[in-house]
Amino acid sequence: MKSYTELEVWTQARVLVNAVYELTKKFPKEEVFGITSQIRRSAISIPSNIAEGCGRSSTKETIHFLFIARGSLYELETQLYLSNDQKYITEEELEKIQQQVIACKKLLNGFINYYRKK
């Protein structure tokens, strides 16, 4: 079994976190403890829970943490839409980061299915 640091799903989740940080740098200062913090925590939760799941001793536990990561991904997606609603990000920025979100969804769903078949 590969180390979690070698997994494409974990690597792409890290890429997404970095993109989120870049995107949220321009958010209004009054949102630092609001949506900026929430978005960043959701993003960070994705690779963190993938790593934690890979460190668990049973398939059932691993799948549990992969589902938490997936939930965080959906939470992040919603927060990005809300950021667009508030005009903190443009339609173009939303579309660009949404492509990364979709890629992570596909990888994560594939990884979950892989573990379900074990």
PDB file of N, CA and C in Angstrom:
ATOM      1  N   MET A   1       0.841  -1.188   0.000  1.00  0.00           N
ATOM      2  CA  MET A   1       0.000   0.000   0.000  1.00  0.00           C
ATOM      3  C   MET A   1       0.883   1.246   0.000  1.00  0.00           C
ATOM      4  N   LYS A   2       0.531   2.200  -0.833  1.00  0.00           N
ATOM      5  CA  LYS A   2       1.254   3.464  -0.900  1.00  0.00           C
ATOM      6  C   LYS A   2       1.056   4.267   0.377  1.00  0.00           C
ATOM      7  N   SER A   3       2.008   5.135   0.651  1.00  0.00           N
ATOM      8  CA  SER A   3       1.833   6.126   1.706  1.00  0.00           C
ATOM      9  C   SER A   3       0.787   7.127   1.227  1.00  0.00           C
ATOM     10  N   TYR A   4       0.044   7.689   2.142  1.00  0.00           N
ATOM     11  CA  TYR A   4      -0.975   8.664   1.745  1.00  0.00           C
ATOM     12  C   TYR A   4      -0.355   9.846   0.989  1.00  0.00           C
ATOM     13  N   THR A   5       0.912  10.169   1.272  1.00  0.00           N
ATOM     14  CA  THR A   5       1.561  11.303   0.600  1.00  0.00           C
ATOM     15  C   THR A   5       1.841  11.028  -0.878  1.00  0.00           C
ATOM     16  N   GLU A   6       1.705   9.776  -1.287  1.00  0.00           N
ATOM     17  CA  GLU A   6       1.903   9.401  -2.687  1.00  0.00           C
ATOM     18  C   GLU A   6       0.585   9.308  -3.455  1.00  0.00           C
ATOM     19  N   LEU A   7      -0.517   9.478  -2.758  1.00  0.00           N
ATOM     20  CA  LEU A   7      -1.831   9.331  -3.383  1.00  0.00           C
ATOM     21  C   LEU A   7      -2.231  10.593  -4.146  1.00  0.00           C
ATOM     22  N   GLU A   8      -2.716  10.406  -5.360  1.00  0.00           N
ATOM     23  CA  GLU A   8      -3.175  11.527  -6.190  1.00  0.00           C
ATOM     24  C   GLU A   8      -4.298  12.300  -5.503  1.00  0.00           C
ATOM     25  N   VAL A   9      -5.198  11.611  -4.829  1.00  0.00           N
ATOM     26  CA  VAL A   9      -6.318  12.273  -4.160  1.00  0.00           C
ATOM     27  C   VAL A   9      -5.815  13.226  -3.073  1.00  0.00           C
ATOM     28  N   TRP A  10      -4.817  12.820  -2.324  1.00  0.00           N
ATOM     29  CA  TRP A  10      -4.257  13.675  -1.260  1.00  0.00           C
ATOM     30  C   TRP A  10      -3.483  14.843  -1.867  1.00  0.00           C
ATOM     31  N   THR A  11      -2.709  14.555  -2.921  1.00  0.00           N
ATOM     32  CA  THR A  11      -1.927  15.594  -3.595  1.00  0.00           C
ATOM     33  C   THR A  11      -2.835  16.671  -4.181  1.00  0.00           C
ATOM     34  N   GLN A  12      -3.896  16.242  -4.840  1.00  0.00           N
ATOM     35  CA  GLN A  12      -4.813  17.212  -5.453  1.00  0.00           C
ATOM     36  C   GLN A  12      -5.600  17.995  -4.392  1.00  0.00           C
ATOM     37  N   ALA A  13      -5.874  17.361  -3.274  1.00  0.00           N
ATOM     38  CA  ALA A  13      -6.542  18.074  -2.174  1.00  0.00           C
ATOM     39  C   ALA A  13      -5.628  19.180  -1.641  1.00  0.00           C
ATOM     40  N   ARG A  14      -4.332  18.917  -1.574  1.00  0.00           N
ATOM     41  CA  ARG A  14      -3.368  19.945  -1.153  1.00  0.00           C
ATOM     42  C   ARG A  14      -3.323  21.092  -2.158  1.00  0.00           C
ATOM     43  N   VAL A  15      -3.364  20.776  -3.435  1.00  0.00           N
ATOM     44  CA  VAL A  15      -3.392  21.802  -4.479  1.00  0.00           C
ATOM     45  C   VAL A  15      -4.625  22.689  -4.284  1.00  0.00           C
ATOM     46  N   LEU A  16      -5.749  22.055  -3.979  1.00  0.00           N
ATOM     47  CA  LEU A  16      -6.982  22.800  -3.736  1.00  0.00           C
ATOM     48  C   LEU A  16      -6.839  23.723  -2.521  1.00  0.00           C
ATOM     49  N   VAL A  17      -6.240  23.228  -1.450  1.00  0.00           N
ATOM     50  CA  VAL A  17      -6.024  24.063  -0.255  1.00  0.00           C
ATOM     51  C   VAL A  17      -5.210  25.303  -0.625  1.00  0.00           C
ATOM     52  N   ASN A  18      -4.143  25.119  -1.376  1.00  0.00           N
ATOM     53  CA  ASN A  18      -3.309  26.251  -1.764  1.00  0.00           C
ATOM     54  C   ASN A  18      -4.076  27.250  -2.627  1.00  0.00           C
ATOM     55  N   ALA A  19      -4.912  26.752  -3.512  1.00  0.00           N
ATOM     56  CA  ALA A  19      -5.732  27.632  -4.353  1.00  0.00           C
ATOM     57  C   ALA A  19      -6.729  28.412  -3.500  1.00  0.00           C
ATOM     58  N   VAL A  20      -7.304  27.751  -2.503  1.00  0.00           N
ATOM     59  CA  VAL A  20      -8.254  28.406  -1.596  1.00  0.00           C
ATOM     60  C   VAL A  20      -7.561  29.533  -0.821  1.00  0.00           C
ATOM     61  N   TYR A  21      -6.366  29.256  -0.337  1.00  0.00           N
ATOM     62  CA  TYR A  21      -5.625  30.289   0.399  1.00  0.00           C
ATOM     63  C   TYR A  21      -5.333  31.495  -0.489  1.00  0.00           C
ATOM     64  N   GLU A  22      -4.926  31.247  -1.710  1.00  0.00           N
ATOM     65  CA  GLU A  22      -4.665  32.356  -2.636  1.00  0.00           C
ATOM     66  C   GLU A  22      -5.943  33.152  -2.900  1.00  0.00           C
ATOM     67  N   LEU A  23      -7.021  32.446  -3.126  1.00  0.00           N
ATOM     68  CA  LEU A  23      -8.297  33.089  -3.431  1.00  0.00           C
ATOM     69  C   LEU A  23      -8.807  33.932  -2.263  1.00  0.00           C
ATOM     70  N   THR A  24      -8.667  33.423  -1.052  1.00  0.00           N
ATOM     71  CA  THR A  24      -9.231  34.116   0.116  1.00  0.00           C
ATOM     72  C   THR A  24      -8.345  35.248   0.637  1.00  0.00           C
ATOM     73  N   LYS A  25      -7.140  35.383   0.121  1.00  0.00           N
ATOM     74  CA  LYS A  25      -6.265  36.485   0.551  1.00  0.00           C
ATOM     75  C   LYS A  25      -6.895  37.844   0.272  1.00  0.00           C
ATOM     76  N   LYS A  26      -7.737  37.915  -0.737  1.00  0.00           N
ATOM     77  CA  LYS A  26      -8.334  39.199  -1.119  1.00  0.00           C
ATOM     78  C   LYS A  26      -9.726  39.430  -0.497  1.00  0.00           C
ATOM     79  N   PHE A  27     -10.165  38.511   0.331  1.00  0.00           N
ATOM     80  CA  PHE A  27     -11.465  38.693   0.979  1.00  0.00           C
ATOM     81  C   PHE A  27     -11.395  39.893   1.928  1.00  0.00           C
ATOM     82  N   PRO A  28     -12.539  40.512   2.203  1.00  0.00           N
ATOM     83  CA  PRO A  28     -12.548  41.665   3.117  1.00  0.00           C
ATOM     84  C   PRO A  28     -11.995  41.293   4.493  1.00  0.00           C
ATOM     85  N   LYS A  29     -11.290  42.234   5.097  1.00  0.00           N
ATOM     86  CA  LYS A  29     -10.675  42.002   6.410  1.00  0.00           C
ATOM     87  C   LYS A  29     -11.719  41.641   7.468  1.00  0.00           C
ATOM     88  N   GLU A  30     -12.931  42.186   7.353  1.00  0.00           N
ATOM     89  CA  GLU A  30     -13.967  41.869   8.350  1.00  0.00           C
ATOM     90  C   GLU A  30     -14.441  40.416   8.265  1.00  0.00           C
ATOM     91  N   GLU A  31     -14.037  39.718   7.216  1.00  0.00           N
ATOM     92  CA  GLU A  31     -14.406  38.309   7.059  1.00  0.00           C
ATOM     93  C   GLU A  31     -13.321  37.342   7.541  1.00  0.00           C
ATOM     94  N   VAL A  32     -12.229  37.871   8.080  1.00  0.00           N
ATOM     95  CA  VAL A  32     -11.133  37.008   8.525  1.00  0.00           C
ATOM     96  C   VAL A  32     -11.630  35.927   9.486  1.00  0.00           C
ATOM     97  N   PHE A  33     -12.509  36.295  10.410  1.00  0.00           N
ATOM     98  CA  PHE A  33     -13.026  35.325  11.374  1.00  0.00           C
ATOM     99  C   PHE A  33     -14.382  34.768  10.949  1.00  0.00           C
ATOM    100  N   GLY A  34     -14.802  35.125   9.762  1.00  0.00           N
ATOM    101  CA  GLY A  34     -16.066  34.639   9.221  1.00  0.00           C
ATOM    102  C   GLY A  34     -15.821  33.627   8.119  1.00  0.00           C
ATOM    103  N   ILE A  35     -16.274  33.977   6.926  1.00  0.00           N
ATOM    104  CA  ILE A  35     -16.227  33.016   5.823  1.00  0.00           C
ATOM    105  C   ILE A  35     -14.803  32.668   5.403  1.00  0.00           C
ATOM    106  N   THR A  36     -13.860  33.592   5.542  1.00  0.00           N
ATOM    107  CA  THR A  36     -12.470  33.274   5.178  1.00  0.00           C
ATOM    108  C   THR A  36     -11.954  32.115   6.019  1.00  0.00           C
ATOM    109  N   SER A  37     -12.144  32.216   7.310  1.00  0.00           N
ATOM    110  CA  SER A  37     -11.705  31.160   8.223  1.00  0.00           C
ATOM    111  C   SER A  37     -12.438  29.857   7.941  1.00  0.00           C
ATOM    112  N   GLN A  38     -13.732  29.949   7.721  1.00  0.00           N
ATOM    113  CA  GLN A  38     -14.545  28.757   7.483  1.00  0.00           C
ATOM    114  C   GLN A  38     -14.122  28.041   6.204  1.00  0.00           C
ATOM    115  N   ILE A  39     -13.883  28.809   5.149  1.00  0.00           N
ATOM    116  CA  ILE A  39     -13.464  28.226   3.876  1.00  0.00           C
ATOM    117  C   ILE A  39     -12.120  27.519   4.038  1.00  0.00           C
ATOM    118  N   ARG A  40     -11.204  28.192   4.696  1.00  0.00           N
ATOM    119  CA  ARG A  40      -9.872  27.603   4.871  1.00  0.00           C
ATOM    120  C   ARG A  40      -9.926  26.339   5.715  1.00  0.00           C
ATOM    121  N   ARG A  41     -10.723  26.350   6.766  1.00  0.00           N
ATOM    122  CA  ARG A  41     -10.833  25.146   7.604  1.00  0.00           C
ATOM    123  C   ARG A  41     -11.452  23.991   6.835  1.00  0.00           C
ATOM    124  N   SER A  42     -12.471  24.277   6.038  1.00  0.00           N
ATOM    125  CA  SER A  42     -13.084  23.222   5.219  1.00  0.00           C
ATOM    126  C   SER A  42     -12.070  22.632   4.256  1.00  0.00           C
ATOM    127  N   ALA A  43     -11.306  23.502   3.613  1.00  0.00           N
ATOM    128  CA  ALA A  43     -10.310  23.038   2.648  1.00  0.00           C
ATOM    129  C   ALA A  43      -9.239  22.191   3.329  1.00  0.00           C
ATOM    130  N   ILE A  44      -8.732  22.658   4.447  1.00  0.00           N
ATOM    131  CA  ILE A  44      -7.690  21.936   5.182  1.00  0.00           C
ATOM    132  C   ILE A  44      -8.188  20.574   5.654  1.00  0.00           C
ATOM    133  N   SER A  45      -9.460  20.497   5.970  1.00  0.00           N
ATOM    134  CA  SER A  45     -10.053  19.255   6.457  1.00  0.00           C
ATOM    135  C   SER A  45      -9.995  18.135   5.424  1.00  0.00           C
ATOM    136  N   ILE A  46      -9.983  18.485   4.160  1.00  0.00           N
ATOM    137  CA  ILE A  46     -10.032  17.464   3.109  1.00  0.00           C
ATOM    138  C   ILE A  46      -8.764  16.597   3.100  1.00  0.00           C
ATOM    139  N   PRO A  47      -7.570  17.161   2.865  1.00  0.00           N
ATOM    140  CA  PRO A  47      -6.385  16.288   2.884  1.00  0.00           C
ATOM    141  C   PRO A  47      -6.084  15.747   4.280  1.00  0.00           C
ATOM    142  N   SER A  48      -6.459  16.491   5.307  1.00  0.00           N
ATOM    143  CA  SER A  48      -6.208  16.029   6.684  1.00  0.00           C
ATOM    144  C   SER A  48      -6.986  14.763   6.979  1.00  0.00           C
ATOM    145  N   ASN A  49      -8.251  14.713   6.568  1.00  0.00           N
ATOM    146  CA  ASN A  49      -9.054  13.521   6.823  1.00  0.00           C
ATOM    147  C   ASN A  49      -8.689  12.362   5.911  1.00  0.00           C
ATOM    148  N   ILE A  50      -8.207  12.658   4.720  1.00  0.00           N
ATOM    149  CA  ILE A  50      -7.687  11.586   3.861  1.00  0.00           C
ATOM    150  C   ILE A  50      -6.490  10.944   4.551  1.00  0.00           C
ATOM    151  N   ALA A  51      -5.585  11.768   5.052  1.00  0.00           N
ATOM    152  CA  ALA A  51      -4.397  11.259   5.750  1.00  0.00           C
ATOM    153  C   ALA A  51      -4.789  10.472   6.994  1.00  0.00           C
ATOM    154  N   GLU A  52      -5.718  11.028   7.783  1.00  0.00           N
ATOM    155  CA  GLU A  52      -6.129  10.325   9.002  1.00  0.00           C
ATOM    156  C   GLU A  52      -6.773   8.986   8.679  1.00  0.00           C
ATOM    157  N   GLY A  53      -7.592   8.966   7.638  1.00  0.00           N
ATOM    158  CA  GLY A  53      -8.223   7.710   7.238  1.00  0.00           C
ATOM    159  C   GLY A  53      -7.208   6.664   6.831  1.00  0.00           C
ATOM    160  N   CYS A  54      -6.183   7.091   6.118  1.00  0.00           N
ATOM    161  CA  CYS A  54      -5.137   6.154   5.686  1.00  0.00           C
ATOM    162  C   CYS A  54      -4.331   5.633   6.862  1.00  0.00           C
ATOM    163  N   GLY A  55      -4.333   6.363   7.955  1.00  0.00           N
ATOM    164  CA  GLY A  55      -3.602   5.934   9.133  1.00  0.00           C
ATOM    165  C   GLY A  55      -4.388   5.020  10.048  1.00  0.00           C
ATOM    166  N   ARG A  56      -5.628   4.777   9.728  1.00  0.00           N
ATOM    167  CA  ARG A  56      -6.476   3.925  10.565  1.00  0.00           C
ATOM    168  C   ARG A  56      -6.225   2.451  10.281  1.00  0.00           C
ATOM    169  N   SER A  57      -6.596   1.633  11.246  1.00  0.00           N
ATOM    170  CA  SER A  57      -6.254   0.212  11.152  1.00  0.00           C
ATOM    171  C   SER A  57      -7.292  -0.643  10.438  1.00  0.00           C
ATOM    172  N   SER A  58      -8.474  -0.118  10.217  1.00  0.00           N
ATOM    173  CA  SER A  58      -9.484  -0.936   9.544  1.00  0.00           C
ATOM    174  C   SER A  58     -10.067  -0.201   8.344  1.00  0.00           C
ATOM    175  N   THR A  59     -10.560  -0.981   7.398  1.00  0.00           N
ATOM    176  CA  THR A  59     -11.190  -0.412   6.215  1.00  0.00           C
ATOM    177  C   THR A  59     -12.390   0.441   6.602  1.00  0.00           C
ATOM    178  N   LYS A  60     -13.164  -0.020   7.567  1.00  0.00           N
ATOM    179  CA  LYS A  60     -14.348   0.717   8.007  1.00  0.00           C
ATOM    180  C   LYS A  60     -13.963   2.109   8.535  1.00  0.00           C
ATOM    181  N   GLU A  61     -12.908   2.167   9.328  1.00  0.00           N
ATOM    182  CA  GLU A  61     -12.450   3.461   9.858  1.00  0.00           C
ATOM    183  C   GLU A  61     -11.924   4.357   8.738  1.00  0.00           C
ATOM    184  N   THR A  62     -11.188   3.771   7.822  1.00  0.00           N
ATOM    185  CA  THR A  62     -10.660   4.541   6.695  1.00  0.00           C
ATOM    186  C   THR A  62     -11.794   5.158   5.901  1.00  0.00           C
ATOM    187  N   ILE A  63     -12.793   4.368   5.566  1.00  0.00           N
ATOM    188  CA  ILE A  63     -13.936   4.870   4.802  1.00  0.00           C
ATOM    189  C   ILE A  63     -14.651   5.984   5.563  1.00  0.00           C
ATOM    190  N   HIS A  64     -14.778   5.831   6.868  1.00  0.00           N
ATOM    191  CA  HIS A  64     -15.422   6.859   7.696  1.00  0.00           C
ATOM    192  C   HIS A  64     -14.726   8.218   7.501  1.00  0.00           C
ATOM    193  N   PHE A  65     -13.394   8.229   7.566  1.00  0.00           N
ATOM    194  CA  PHE A  65     -12.662   9.487   7.420  1.00  0.00           C
ATOM    195  C   PHE A  65     -12.675   9.997   5.987  1.00  0.00           C
ATOM    196  N   LEU A  66     -12.753   9.108   5.022  1.00  0.00           N
ATOM    197  CA  LEU A  66     -12.873   9.543   3.635  1.00  0.00           C
ATOM    198  C   LEU A  66     -14.225  10.222   3.407  1.00  0.00           C
ATOM    199  N   PHE A  67     -15.259   9.725   4.066  1.00  0.00           N
ATOM    200  CA  PHE A  67     -16.564  10.383   3.970  1.00  0.00           C
ATOM    201  C   PHE A  67     -16.556  11.745   4.658  1.00  0.00           C
ATOM    202  N   ILE A  68     -15.817  11.871   5.745  1.00  0.00           N
ATOM    203  CA  ILE A  68     -15.680  13.185   6.384  1.00  0.00           C
ATOM    204  C   ILE A  68     -14.979  14.151   5.424  1.00  0.00           C
ATOM    205  N   ALA A  69     -13.938  13.676   4.759  1.00  0.00           N
ATOM    206  CA  ALA A  69     -13.237  14.502   3.775  1.00  0.00           C
ATOM    207  C   ALA A  69     -14.192  14.928   2.663  1.00  0.00           C
ATOM    208  N   ARG A  70     -15.028  13.997   2.213  1.00  0.00           N
ATOM    209  CA  ARG A  70     -15.993  14.325   1.158  1.00  0.00           C
ATOM    210  C   ARG A  70     -17.014  15.353   1.638  1.00  0.00           C
ATOM    211  N   GLY A  71     -17.449  15.214   2.876  1.00  0.00           N
ATOM    212  CA  GLY A  71     -18.364  16.206   3.435  1.00  0.00           C
ATOM    213  C   GLY A  71     -17.735  17.590   3.486  1.00  0.00           C
ATOM    214  N   SER A  72     -16.469  17.643   3.853  1.00  0.00           N
ATOM    215  CA  SER A  72     -15.757  18.921   3.887  1.00  0.00           C
ATOM    216  C   SER A  72     -15.624  19.522   2.493  1.00  0.00           C
ATOM    217  N   LEU A  73     -15.472  18.666   1.499  1.00  0.00           N
ATOM    218  CA  LEU A  73     -15.376  19.130   0.118  1.00  0.00           C
ATOM    219  C   LEU A  73     -16.692  19.769  -0.330  1.00  0.00           C
ATOM    220  N   TYR A  74     -17.801  19.149   0.034  1.00  0.00           N
ATOM    221  CA  TYR A  74     -19.109  19.721  -0.295  1.00  0.00           C
ATOM    222  C   TYR A  74     -19.363  21.008   0.491  1.00  0.00           C
ATOM    223  N   GLU A  75     -18.910  21.038   1.729  1.00  0.00           N
ATOM    224  CA  GLU A  75     -19.016  22.252   2.537  1.00  0.00           C
ATOM    225  C   GLU A  75     -18.221  23.387   1.882  1.00  0.00           C
ATOM    226  N   LEU A  76     -17.004  23.093   1.462  1.00  0.00           N
ATOM    227  CA  LEU A  76     -16.171  24.090   0.785  1.00  0.00           C
ATOM    228  C   LEU A  76     -16.849  24.591  -0.474  1.00  0.00           C
ATOM    229  N   GLU A  77     -17.397  23.694  -1.245  1.00  0.00           N
ATOM    230  CA  GLU A  77     -18.067  24.082  -2.490  1.00  0.00           C
ATOM    231  C   GLU A  77     -19.198  25.073  -2.211  1.00  0.00           C
ATOM    232  N   THR A  78     -19.988  24.794  -1.196  1.00  0.00           N
ATOM    233  CA  THR A  78     -21.084  25.689  -0.828  1.00  0.00           C
ATOM    234  C   THR A  78     -20.556  27.056  -0.416  1.00  0.00           C
ATOM    235  N   GLN A  79     -19.499  27.069   0.377  1.00  0.00           N
ATOM    236  CA  GLN A  79     -18.923  28.331   0.837  1.00  0.00           C
ATOM    237  C   GLN A  79     -18.350  29.146  -0.319  1.00  0.00           C
ATOM    238  N   LEU A  80     -17.840  28.485  -1.321  1.00  0.00           N
ATOM    239  CA  LEU A  80     -17.348  29.187  -2.501  1.00  0.00           C
ATOM    240  C   LEU A  80     -18.498  29.837  -3.269  1.00  0.00           C
ATOM    241  N   TYR A  81     -19.610  29.125  -3.379  1.00  0.00           N
ATOM    242  CA  TYR A  81     -20.794  29.723  -4.010  1.00  0.00           C
ATOM    243  C   TYR A  81     -21.277  30.933  -3.213  1.00  0.00           C
ATOM    244  N   LEU A  82     -21.281  30.805  -1.892  1.00  0.00           N
ATOM    245  CA  LEU A  82     -21.697  31.928  -1.049  1.00  0.00           C
ATOM    246  C   LEU A  82     -20.751  33.116  -1.197  1.00  0.00           C
ATOM    247  N   SER A  83     -19.479  32.832  -1.351  1.00  0.00           N
ATOM    248  CA  SER A  83     -18.493  33.897  -1.557  1.00  0.00           C
ATOM    249  C   SER A  83     -18.757  34.624  -2.869  1.00  0.00           C
ATOM    250  N   ASN A  84     -19.157  33.870  -3.871  1.00  0.00           N
ATOM    251  CA  ASN A  84     -19.532  34.481  -5.140  1.00  0.00           C
ATOM    252  C   ASN A  84     -20.799  35.319  -4.978  1.00  0.00           C
ATOM    253  N   ASP A  85     -21.761  34.808  -4.226  1.00  0.00           N
ATOM    254  CA  ASP A  85     -22.990  35.565  -3.974  1.00  0.00           C
ATOM    255  C   ASP A  85     -22.690  36.910  -3.324  1.00  0.00           C
ATOM    256  N   GLN A  86     -21.690  36.919  -2.455  1.00  0.00           N
ATOM    257  CA  GLN A  86     -21.307  38.144  -1.742  1.00  0.00           C
ATOM    258  C   GLN A  86     -20.337  39.010  -2.552  1.00  0.00           C
ATOM    259  N   LYS A  87     -20.009  38.549  -3.759  1.00  0.00           N
ATOM    260  CA  LYS A  87     -19.087  39.255  -4.658  1.00  0.00           C
ATOM    261  C   LYS A  87     -17.658  39.309  -4.126  1.00  0.00           C
ATOM    262  N   TYR A  88     -17.289  38.327  -3.279  1.00  0.00           N
ATOM    263  CA  TYR A  88     -15.910  38.226  -2.809  1.00  0.00           C
ATOM    264  C   TYR A  88     -15.036  37.562  -3.862  1.00  0.00           C
ATOM    265  N   ILE A  89     -15.661  36.722  -4.705  1.00  0.00           N
ATOM    266  CA  ILE A  89     -14.972  36.126  -5.842  1.00  0.00           C
ATOM    267  C   ILE A  89     -15.832  36.312  -7.088  1.00  0.00           C
ATOM    268  N   THR A  90     -15.177  36.381  -8.223  1.00  0.00           N
ATOM    269  CA  THR A  90     -15.880  36.559  -9.491  1.00  0.00           C
ATOM    270  C   THR A  90     -16.403  35.219 -10.009  1.00  0.00           C
ATOM    271  N   GLU A  91     -17.250  35.296 -11.005  1.00  0.00           N
ATOM    272  CA  GLU A  91     -17.747  34.084 -11.668  1.00  0.00           C
ATOM    273  C   GLU A  91     -16.582  33.280 -12.248  1.00  0.00           C
ATOM    274  N   GLU A  92     -15.607  33.986 -12.817  1.00  0.00           N
ATOM    275  CA  GLU A  92     -14.448  33.317 -13.405  1.00  0.00           C
ATOM    276  C   GLU A  92     -13.620  32.599 -12.334  1.00  0.00           C
ATOM    277  N   GLU A  93     -13.427  33.259 -11.203  1.00  0.00           N
ATOM    278  CA  GLU A  93     -12.687  32.632 -10.111  1.00  0.00           C
ATOM    279  C   GLU A  93     -13.431  31.417  -9.569  1.00  0.00           C
ATOM    280  N   LEU A  94     -14.750  31.556  -9.461  1.00  0.00           N
ATOM    281  CA  LEU A  94     -15.565  30.435  -9.001  1.00  0.00           C
ATOM    282  C   LEU A  94     -15.449  29.259  -9.960  1.00  0.00           C
ATOM    283  N   GLU A  95     -15.550  29.537 -11.244  1.00  0.00           N
ATOM    284  CA  GLU A  95     -15.466  28.475 -12.249  1.00  0.00           C
ATOM    285  C   GLU A  95     -14.105  27.777 -12.199  1.00  0.00           C
ATOM    286  N   LYS A  96     -13.054  28.549 -12.065  1.00  0.00           N
ATOM    287  CA  LYS A  96     -11.699  27.985 -12.031  1.00  0.00           C
ATOM    288  C   LYS A  96     -11.513  27.062 -10.824  1.00  0.00           C
ATOM    289  N   ILE A  97     -11.903  27.527  -9.648  1.00  0.00           N
ATOM    290  CA  ILE A  97     -11.712  26.695  -8.454  1.00  0.00           C
ATOM    291  C   ILE A  97     -12.715  25.546  -8.433  1.00  0.00           C
ATOM    292  N   GLN A  98     -13.864  25.749  -9.043  1.00  0.00           N
ATOM    293  CA  GLN A  98     -14.867  24.678  -9.120  1.00  0.00           C
ATOM    294  C   GLN A  98     -14.321  23.492  -9.913  1.00  0.00           C
ATOM    295  N   GLN A  99     -13.497  23.753 -10.914  1.00  0.00           N
ATOM    296  CA  GLN A  99     -12.880  22.664 -11.677  1.00  0.00           C
ATOM    297  C   GLN A  99     -11.980  21.822 -10.774  1.00  0.00           C
ATOM    298  N   GLN A 100     -11.277  22.470  -9.854  1.00  0.00           N
ATOM    299  CA  GLN A 100     -10.434  21.747  -8.906  1.00  0.00           C
ATOM    300  C   GLN A 100     -11.291  20.963  -7.911  1.00  0.00           C
ATOM    301  N   VAL A 101     -12.389  21.552  -7.488  1.00  0.00           N
ATOM    302  CA  VAL A 101     -13.310  20.864  -6.582  1.00  0.00           C
ATOM    303  C   VAL A 101     -13.856  19.603  -7.256  1.00  0.00           C
ATOM    304  N   ILE A 102     -14.276  19.729  -8.499  1.00  0.00           N
ATOM    305  CA  ILE A 102     -14.818  18.584  -9.244  1.00  0.00           C
ATOM    306  C   ILE A 102     -13.765  17.489  -9.389  1.00  0.00           C
ATOM    307  N   ALA A 103     -12.534  17.878  -9.700  1.00  0.00           N
ATOM    308  CA  ALA A 103     -11.459  16.891  -9.828  1.00  0.00           C
ATOM    309  C   ALA A 103     -11.243  16.153  -8.507  1.00  0.00           C
ATOM    310  N   CYS A 104     -11.271  16.891  -7.397  1.00  0.00           N
ATOM    311  CA  CYS A 104     -11.105  16.260  -6.080  1.00  0.00           C
ATOM    312  C   CYS A 104     -12.281  15.345  -5.754  1.00  0.00           C
ATOM    313  N   LYS A 105     -13.476  15.739  -6.131  1.00  0.00           N
ATOM    314  CA  LYS A 105     -14.655  14.891  -5.901  1.00  0.00           C
ATOM    315  C   LYS A 105     -14.489  13.553  -6.615  1.00  0.00           C
ATOM    316  N   LYS A 106     -14.080  13.615  -7.873  1.00  0.00           N
ATOM    317  CA  LYS A 106     -13.917  12.391  -8.654  1.00  0.00           C
ATOM    318  C   LYS A 106     -12.857  11.480  -8.030  1.00  0.00           C
ATOM    319  N   LEU A 107     -11.718  12.062  -7.671  1.00  0.00           N
ATOM    320  CA  LEU A 107     -10.650  11.271  -7.058  1.00  0.00           C
ATOM    321  C   LEU A 107     -11.085  10.680  -5.728  1.00  0.00           C
ATOM    322  N   LEU A 108     -11.756  11.480  -4.918  1.00  0.00           N
ATOM    323  CA  LEU A 108     -12.181  11.020  -3.598  1.00  0.00           C
ATOM    324  C   LEU A 108     -13.249   9.938  -3.711  1.00  0.00           C
ATOM    325  N   ASN A 109     -14.202  10.126  -4.607  1.00  0.00           N
ATOM    326  CA  ASN A 109     -15.223   9.098  -4.808  1.00  0.00           C
ATOM    327  C   ASN A 109     -14.600   7.799  -5.308  1.00  0.00           C
ATOM    328  N   GLY A 110     -13.613   7.903  -6.188  1.00  0.00           N
ATOM    329  CA  GLY A 110     -12.915   6.716  -6.666  1.00  0.00           C
ATOM    330  C   GLY A 110     -12.159   6.014  -5.544  1.00  0.00           C
ATOM    331  N   PHE A 111     -11.549   6.806  -4.661  1.00  0.00           N
ATOM    332  CA  PHE A 111     -10.800   6.231  -3.547  1.00  0.00           C
ATOM    333  C   PHE A 111     -11.752   5.553  -2.560  1.00  0.00           C
ATOM    334  N   ILE A 112     -12.891   6.156  -2.322  1.00  0.00           N
ATOM    335  CA  ILE A 112     -13.904   5.547  -1.448  1.00  0.00           C
ATOM    336  C   ILE A 112     -14.368   4.222  -2.052  1.00  0.00           C
ATOM    337  N   ASN A 113     -14.651   4.219  -3.348  1.00  0.00           N
ATOM    338  CA  ASN A 113     -15.093   2.989  -4.007  1.00  0.00           C
ATOM    339  C   ASN A 113     -14.018   1.905  -3.955  1.00  0.00           C
ATOM    340  N   TYR A 114     -12.765   2.301  -4.076  1.00  0.00           N
ATOM    341  CA  TYR A 114     -11.665   1.355  -3.972  1.00  0.00           C
ATOM    342  C   TYR A 114     -11.674   0.680  -2.591  1.00  0.00           C
ATOM    343  N   TYR A 115     -11.842   1.484  -1.544  1.00  0.00           N
ATOM    344  CA  TYR A 115     -11.847   0.920  -0.198  1.00  0.00           C
ATOM    345  C   TYR A 115     -13.094   0.076   0.062  1.00  0.00           C
ATOM    346  N   ARG A 116     -14.199   0.444  -0.516  1.00  0.00           N
ATOM    347  CA  ARG A 116     -15.429  -0.343  -0.328  1.00  0.00           C
ATOM    348  C   ARG A 116     -15.287  -1.743  -0.912  1.00  0.00           C
ATOM    349  N   LYS A 117     -14.485  -1.882  -1.958  1.00  0.00           N
ATOM    350  CA  LYS A 117     -14.323  -3.165  -2.637  1.00  0.00           C
ATOM    351  C   LYS A 117     -13.280  -4.052  -1.964  1.00  0.00           C
ATOM    352  N   LYS A 118     -12.540  -3.506  -1.000  1.00  0.00           N
ATOM    353  CA  LYS A 118     -11.485  -4.282  -0.319  1.00  0.00           C
ATOM    354  C   LYS A 118     -12.062  -5.382   0.527  1.00  0.00           C
TER     355      LYS A 118
END
